[in-house]
Amino acid sequence: MKSPKEISLEKKLYSILSPEEKSGELIRLLCNDREVQEMQDYANNVSIVRLGFNDHGPVHMRKVTLNAIRLFSLLHKAGVQSSLEHDNVGTYQDSLCAVILASFLHDVGMAVGREDHELLSSTLAISVINRILDSLYPDNLQKRVVLRSIALEGIVGHMANRRIHSIEAGIILIADGCDMEKGRARIPMTISHEAKVGDIHKYSSNAIEKVEIKKGGEKPISIHVSMSNEVGFFQVEEVLYPKIRMSPVKPYIELYAKVIGQDHKQYL
């Protein structure tokens, strides 16, 4: 059974992606895929119950997908071509499909463990990606090969610990880093009150009140982070900013963070 939050996020995804477009067909395939649901659910079980980490399950992966679509749309509206468009091997819709696949599956490797989970995610996701692309592009082997490659680059690159080169992959780690509002830390903080290694992530995340992704002033994308206290700056400086710094999308982003009631701090 899906949670009310999952259902709400899926409704948002359906509302912004037309079923007549490839991306709209894709998101419906993913949201209704039983294997994908089981993979995401178990990844979250391992992350929260066994390891005591933040949400890395179906809610998180749907939020990251929403963030990625928003980021990618802002770039597109500003006239920034995707890498597939620039290389003349795909359309905007093709690139968007790769972005959705990567963001929707990027953390399934947490079902195995935290270390190298981005590589484990690519291993676990590849059969799903192949199956979904076979349905989406049944008569176009080239598109299936290209989109699979871009989606896997986005998955393995989302931890900002290896160099990535496409705009599409560069969207994923930023979209992931933007999911740091306090609700994500609610469950692990509820079930565990004992101090342990990694708690700074939970408490700093719990200080983040809002993350807004909107059209920028001087650049196509503006990310604004509002927090209740200064511990939230850890999330910005140690999680989000390094991901932006490693992304090919960095030149197109403005980043601001502030404690509510104080002047903002400009990062980019």
Foldseek 3Di string as FASTA:
>chain_A
DDDPLLVVLLVVLLVVDDCVALQNVLSVCQSPPPVLQVLQVLLQCLQCVVVLHWRPGSNLLSQLLVQLVLVLVLCVVVVNDWPCVVVVNDDSSLLNSLLNLQSNQLQSLSSVNDVQSLVSSLVVSLVVLLVSVCVSCVPDPSSSVVSNVSSSLLNSPLQLPDADDTQSSLSRNLSSLQPLALVRLVRSVVVDDDDDPPCLSNVLSNFWHDWDWDQDDVASIEIETEGQDDSVVCSVPVRNVSSLVRGPCVVRYWYWYDYPPDDIDTDD
